[in-house]
Amino acid sequence: MHIDSFITSLKIERRYSLHTLKAYENDLKQFCDFLKNAGCDNCPETDHKLVRRWIVMLMEQGISPRSVRRKISALSSYYRFLMRKGIAGTNPVDRIMLPKMAKRLPGFIPEEKLDCLLDETDFGDDFTGVRDRLIIEMLYFTGIRRSELIKLRNSDVDIPEMVIKVQGKGGKERHIPVGQAFSKTLREYTGKKIAYHGQSPVSGPFFVTGTNKNVYPELIYRIVTKYLRLVTTGGKRGPHILRHSFATHMLNHGADLNAIKDLLGHASLSATQVYTQNSFEKLKRIYKQAHPRA
């Protein structure tokens, strides 16, 4: 079915994450199983009617429109790959209408709650406490992803210039400026790190554990949820909500949308525009509270 070749091409040429590669592989295998049950074992000869039948089946099974759209995207990419290889003549997904998806606004934490966390919480002045505080600040003050934070090396953090170099999705590099308050925590952490573990090479990981190993996703999640639990009762307390909070608060304070796009490392402006809805919702609440006839 050429699925393995397709997944390999995504890994090498597009540098997709392992999570995305696994999701695409599972989606395509599900489609091939559907074709077998439908009496059509040959993927390249599939037409749009079969694809439509598959979508209907997925919707009847209660699969969310978001998940269905991802599966269709995987299938469309797969057929474009087959067409480039001369294996398929057409892309049957081109004639498919995507299921409508309800807009889901990104959650964020109000500014006053994050101010309370950073201004009033005692993180401790030992290596672990200073590191945990810096992790919270790094995610909120820069908007970087958890995976990007974990990949930071010592050479990526330029304290004198107050700039952080981030390796984003697809190996794209971006530079994020930081402020004086944040650079103070950076200096404190690097000092504690040297005192606790000794001088580390410039190529070494910036964030490390108590045993001087690179931090890992589960640890970052535990640290963030531990402290966000102190200021919010909301269901979402993972690292990504600090990225959403960064973008929403920047926009609320007048930051240019294109600048936020560049800071977040978004490939297109459409991915950033979702945060404008949060700002619009805030304006509506203010209007209803302030206008005498609202």
Protein backbone atom coordinates (compact mmCIF):
# COMPACT_ATOMS: atom_id res chain seq x y z
CA MET A 1 0.00 0.00 0.00
CA HIS A 2 3.10 2.26 0.02
CA ILE A 3 2.18 3.59 3.48
CA ASP A 4 5.64 2.88 4.92
CA SER A 5 7.31 4.82 2.09
CA PHE A 6 4.93 7.73 2.63
CA ILE A 7 5.58 7.86 6.39
CA THR A 8 9.33 7.73 5.77
CA SER A 9 9.06 10.68 3.36
CA LEU A 10 7.17 12.72 5.97
CA LYS A 11 9.83 11.93 8.55
CA ILE A 12 12.78 12.84 6.32
CA GLU A 13 11.40 15.62 4.11
CA ARG A 14 8.82 17.28 6.36
CA ARG A 15 10.39 16.42 9.73
CA TYR A 16 7.03 15.57 11.27
CA SER A 17 7.01 14.64 14.95
CA LEU A 18 6.75 10.98 15.98
CA HIS A 19 3.28 11.70 17.36
CA THR A 20 2.05 13.07 14.01
CA LEU A 21 3.68 10.25 12.05
CA LYS A 22 1.97 7.64 14.23
CA ALA A 23 -1.39 9.38 13.87
CA TYR A 24 -1.05 9.51 10.05
CA GLU A 25 -0.01 5.87 9.93
CA ASN A 26 -3.00 4.79 12.03
CA ASP A 27 -5.41 6.88 9.94
CA LEU A 28 -4.18 5.36 6.68
CA LYS A 29 -4.31 1.82 8.03
CA GLN A 30 -7.89 2.43 9.17
CA PHE A 31 -8.78 3.59 5.67
CA CYS A 32 -7.14 0.54 4.10
CA ASP A 33 -9.09 -1.73 6.47
CA PHE A 34 -12.26 0.06 5.38
CA LEU A 35 -11.38 -0.55 1.72
CA LYS A 36 -10.84 -4.26 2.35
CA ASN A 37 -14.23 -4.54 4.03
CA ALA A 38 -15.74 -2.66 1.09
CA GLY A 39 -14.21 -5.15 -1.35
CA CYS A 40 -11.59 -2.74 -2.74
CA ASP A 41 -8.03 -3.59 -1.76
CA ASN A 42 -6.30 -1.20 -4.15
CA CYS A 43 -5.78 2.26 -2.60
CA PRO A 44 -4.57 4.00 -5.80
CA GLU A 45 -7.83 3.13 -7.57
CA THR A 46 -10.06 4.57 -4.83
CA ASP A 47 -12.61 7.17 -5.95
CA HIS A 48 -14.22 10.01 -4.04
CA LYS A 49 -17.40 8.01 -3.44
CA LEU A 50 -15.52 5.47 -1.34
CA VAL A 51 -13.83 8.24 0.59
CA ARG A 52 -17.22 9.82 1.24
CA ARG A 53 -18.59 6.47 2.49
CA TRP A 54 -15.63 6.23 4.87
CA ILE A 55 -16.32 9.71 6.24
CA VAL A 56 -19.98 8.87 6.78
CA MET A 57 -18.99 5.71 8.64
CA LEU A 58 -16.60 7.67 10.87
CA MET A 59 -19.25 10.26 11.69
CA GLU A 60 -21.78 7.52 12.50
CA GLN A 61 -19.23 6.03 14.89
CA GLY A 62 -19.18 9.31 16.78
CA ILE A 63 -15.71 10.41 15.64
CA SER A 64 -15.42 14.18 16.16
CA PRO A 65 -15.31 16.47 13.10
CA ARG A 66 -11.81 17.59 14.19
CA SER A 67 -10.52 14.01 14.11
CA VAL A 68 -12.28 13.29 10.81
CA ARG A 69 -10.68 16.36 9.23
CA ARG A 70 -7.25 15.18 10.41
CA LYS A 71 -7.84 11.76 8.86
CA ILE A 72 -8.91 13.37 5.59
CA SER A 73 -5.80 15.55 5.67
CA ALA A 74 -3.63 12.46 6.14
CA LEU A 75 -5.41 10.73 3.25
CA SER A 76 -5.04 13.75 0.96
CA SER A 77 -1.31 14.00 1.70
CA TYR A 78 -0.97 10.29 1.02
CA TYR A 79 -2.61 10.57 -2.41
CA ARG A 80 -0.48 13.56 -3.32
CA PHE A 81 2.52 11.39 -2.51
CA LEU A 82 1.16 8.58 -4.71
CA MET A 83 0.56 11.01 -7.56
CA ARG A 84 4.14 12.32 -7.35
CA LYS A 85 5.36 8.73 -7.58
CA GLY A 86 3.11 8.03 -10.58
CA ILE A 87 1.19 5.38 -8.63
CA ALA A 88 -2.15 7.22 -8.56
CA GLY A 89 -3.61 9.40 -11.30
CA THR A 90 -5.95 11.54 -9.18
CA ASN A 91 -6.55 12.57 -5.60
CA PRO A 92 -10.08 11.43 -4.62
CA VAL A 93 -10.04 13.73 -1.59
CA ASP A 94 -10.08 16.82 -3.85
CA ARG A 95 -13.82 16.38 -4.38
CA ILE A 96 -14.64 15.90 -0.69
CA MET A 97 -16.42 18.49 1.45
CA LEU A 98 -14.86 18.63 4.91
CA PRO A 99 -17.22 18.30 7.90
CA LYS A 100 -17.83 21.59 9.66
CA MET A 101 -16.05 21.98 12.96
CA ALA A 102 -17.18 24.09 15.89
CA LYS A 103 -14.66 26.76 16.76
CA ARG A 104 -12.86 25.97 19.99
CA LEU A 105 -11.24 28.95 21.62
CA PRO A 106 -7.86 28.34 23.23
CA GLY A 107 -8.06 28.41 27.00
CA PHE A 108 -5.91 30.86 28.95
CA ILE A 109 -5.28 31.91 32.53
CA PRO A 110 -6.28 35.46 33.54
CA GLU A 111 -3.42 37.89 34.05
CA GLU A 112 -4.21 38.54 37.69
CA LYS A 113 -3.93 34.84 38.52
CA LEU A 114 -0.53 34.50 36.85
CA ASP A 115 0.57 37.72 38.57
CA CYS A 116 -0.46 36.15 41.87
CA LEU A 117 1.47 32.98 41.08
CA LEU A 118 4.68 34.78 40.11
CA ASP A 119 4.52 37.54 42.74
CA GLU A 120 3.28 35.67 45.81
CA THR A 121 4.29 32.02 45.46
CA ASP A 122 7.35 30.75 47.32
CA PHE A 123 9.13 28.50 44.84
CA GLY A 124 12.13 28.10 47.15
CA ASP A 125 15.67 29.36 46.66
CA ASP A 126 17.37 26.01 46.07
CA PHE A 127 18.25 24.66 42.60
CA THR A 128 14.92 22.86 42.09
CA GLY A 129 12.80 25.80 43.23
CA VAL A 130 14.61 28.32 41.03
CA ARG A 131 14.49 25.92 38.07
CA ASP A 132 10.74 25.33 38.49
CA ARG A 133 10.06 29.06 38.65
CA LEU A 134 12.12 29.63 35.51
CA ILE A 135 10.22 26.89 33.67
CA ILE A 136 6.92 28.62 34.47
CA GLU A 137 8.34 32.00 33.45
CA MET A 138 9.94 30.63 30.29
CA LEU A 139 6.67 29.15 29.06
CA TYR A 140 4.64 32.26 29.90
CA PHE A 141 7.13 35.03 29.05
CA THR A 142 8.20 33.55 25.70
CA GLY A 143 5.23 31.43 24.58
CA ILE A 144 7.47 28.53 23.56
CA ARG A 145 6.17 24.99 23.38
CA ARG A 146 7.08 22.35 25.96
CA SER A 147 9.06 20.41 23.35
CA GLU A 148 11.00 23.57 22.46
CA LEU A 149 11.81 24.24 26.12
CA ILE A 150 13.14 20.71 26.55
CA LYS A 151 15.39 21.08 23.49
CA LEU A 152 17.02 24.30 24.70
CA ARG A 153 20.81 24.08 24.98
CA ASN A 154 23.09 26.30 27.05
CA SER A 155 24.26 28.02 23.86
CA ASP A 156 20.65 28.96 23.00
CA VAL A 157 20.27 31.26 26.00
CA ASP A 158 22.15 34.54 25.57
CA ILE A 159 21.69 36.38 28.87
CA PRO A 160 23.86 39.46 28.06
CA GLU A 161 21.89 40.06 24.86
CA MET A 162 18.63 38.92 26.52
CA VAL A 163 17.70 36.68 23.57
CA ILE A 164 16.65 33.03 23.45
CA LYS A 165 17.17 30.94 20.31
CA VAL A 166 14.41 28.39 19.80
CA GLN A 167 14.34 25.37 17.49
CA GLY A 168 10.71 25.12 16.40
CA LYS A 169 8.69 22.70 14.32
CA GLY A 170 10.39 21.49 11.16
CA GLY A 171 13.75 22.67 12.47
CA LYS A 172 12.80 26.34 12.00
CA GLU A 173 14.81 28.68 14.21
CA ARG A 174 13.51 31.85 15.81
CA HIS A 175 14.90 34.37 18.30
CA ILE A 176 12.79 35.61 21.21
CA PRO A 177 13.74 38.73 23.20
CA VAL A 178 13.30 38.66 26.99
CA GLY A 179 12.87 41.40 29.58
CA GLN A 180 14.92 42.45 32.59
CA ALA A 181 12.71 40.72 35.18
CA PHE A 182 12.98 37.43 33.32
CA SER A 183 16.72 37.77 32.78
CA LYS A 184 17.11 38.08 36.57
CA THR A 185 15.62 34.60 37.02
CA LEU A 186 17.79 33.32 34.16
CA ARG A 187 20.94 34.53 35.93
CA GLU A 188 19.80 33.08 39.23
CA TYR A 189 19.12 29.69 37.66
CA THR A 190 22.44 29.50 35.81
CA GLY A 191 24.25 30.38 39.04
CA LYS A 192 22.40 27.70 41.01
CA LYS A 193 22.97 25.20 38.21
CA ILE A 194 26.74 25.74 38.22
CA ALA A 195 26.88 25.58 42.03
CA TYR A 196 24.78 22.39 42.10
CA HIS A 197 26.15 20.51 39.08
CA GLY A 198 29.32 22.32 38.08
CA GLN A 199 30.08 23.99 34.75
CA SER A 200 28.36 22.28 31.83
CA PRO A 201 29.32 22.38 28.11
CA VAL A 202 27.67 24.95 25.84
CA SER A 203 26.11 22.07 23.91
CA GLY A 204 24.56 20.63 27.08
CA PRO A 205 20.87 20.91 27.97
CA PHE A 206 19.83 24.18 29.56
CA PHE A 207 17.11 22.72 31.80
CA VAL A 208 18.28 19.70 33.82
CA THR A 209 17.03 17.43 36.58
CA GLY A 210 18.51 17.03 40.03
CA THR A 211 20.79 14.36 38.57
CA ASN A 212 21.97 16.69 35.78
CA LYS A 213 19.99 14.94 33.05
CA ASN A 214 17.90 16.68 30.39
CA VAL A 215 14.39 17.43 31.63
CA TYR A 216 11.61 15.38 30.03
CA PRO A 217 7.95 16.00 29.06
CA GLU A 218 6.35 14.34 32.11
CA LEU A 219 8.51 16.36 34.50
CA ILE A 220 7.60 19.66 32.84
CA TYR A 221 3.92 18.71 32.96
CA ARG A 222 4.11 17.87 36.67
CA ILE A 223 5.90 21.12 37.51
CA VAL A 224 3.43 23.29 35.60
CA THR A 225 0.29 21.58 36.91
CA LYS A 226 1.64 21.67 40.48
CA TYR A 227 1.89 25.46 40.46
CA LEU A 228 -1.08 26.30 38.25
CA ARG A 229 -3.23 24.31 40.64
CA LEU A 230 -2.46 26.99 43.25
CA VAL A 231 -4.15 29.76 41.25
CA THR A 232 -6.77 28.13 39.03
CA THR A 233 -9.49 25.53 39.37
CA GLY A 234 -9.89 25.15 35.61
CA GLY A 235 -9.62 21.76 33.96
CA LYS A 236 -6.65 22.64 31.75
CA ARG A 237 -3.41 23.29 33.62
CA GLY A 238 -0.83 21.83 31.25
CA PRO A 239 2.18 23.67 29.79
CA HIS A 240 0.35 24.64 26.58
CA ILE A 241 -2.12 26.87 28.43
CA LEU A 242 0.80 29.15 29.32
CA ARG A 243 1.53 29.51 25.59
CA HIS A 244 -2.13 30.44 25.02
CA SER A 245 -1.97 32.89 27.93
CA PHE A 246 1.16 34.50 26.50
CA ALA A 247 -0.50 35.13 23.13
CA THR A 248 -3.83 36.29 24.58
CA HIS A 249 -2.26 38.70 27.07
CA MET A 250 0.12 40.12 24.45
CA LEU A 251 -2.82 40.76 22.12
CA ASN A 252 -4.89 42.33 24.90
CA HIS A 253 -2.05 44.78 25.54
CA GLY A 254 -1.85 45.90 21.93
CA ALA A 255 0.79 43.64 20.40
CA ASP A 256 0.70 43.33 16.61
CA LEU A 257 -0.76 40.04 15.41
CA ASN A 258 2.14 39.46 13.00
CA ALA A 259 4.62 39.95 15.83
CA ILE A 260 2.79 37.36 17.95
CA LYS A 261 2.84 35.00 14.98
CA ASP A 262 6.62 35.30 14.72
CA LEU A 263 7.13 34.89 18.47
CA LEU A 264 4.98 31.75 18.54
CA GLY A 265 6.63 30.31 15.46
CA HIS A 266 3.37 29.87 13.56
CA ALA A 267 3.71 29.06 9.87
CA SER A 268 0.69 31.16 8.90
CA LEU A 269 -1.28 34.05 10.35
CA SER A 270 -4.48 31.99 10.42
CA ALA A 271 -3.09 29.90 13.26
CA THR A 272 -2.53 33.06 15.31
CA GLN A 273 -5.84 34.74 14.51
CA VAL A 274 -7.73 32.37 16.82
CA TYR A 275 -6.46 34.48 19.74
CA THR A 276 -8.27 37.55 18.43
CA GLN A 277 -11.54 35.85 19.36
CA ASN A 278 -10.49 35.75 23.02
CA SER A 279 -9.86 39.49 22.87
CA PHE A 280 -13.22 40.06 21.20
CA GLU A 281 -14.97 38.04 23.90
CA LYS A 282 -13.26 40.22 26.52
CA LEU A 283 -14.47 43.37 24.74
CA LYS A 284 -18.03 42.02 24.72
CA ARG A 285 -17.91 41.35 28.47
CA ILE A 286 -16.57 44.85 29.15
CA TYR A 287 -19.27 46.35 26.97
CA LYS A 288 -22.06 44.48 28.77
CA GLN A 289 -20.65 45.47 32.16
CA ALA A 290 -20.02 49.12 31.33
CA HIS A 291 -22.76 50.27 28.95
CA PRO A 292 -25.90 51.42 30.78
CA ARG A 293 -28.25 50.01 28.15
CA ALA A 294 -26.31 46.86 27.24
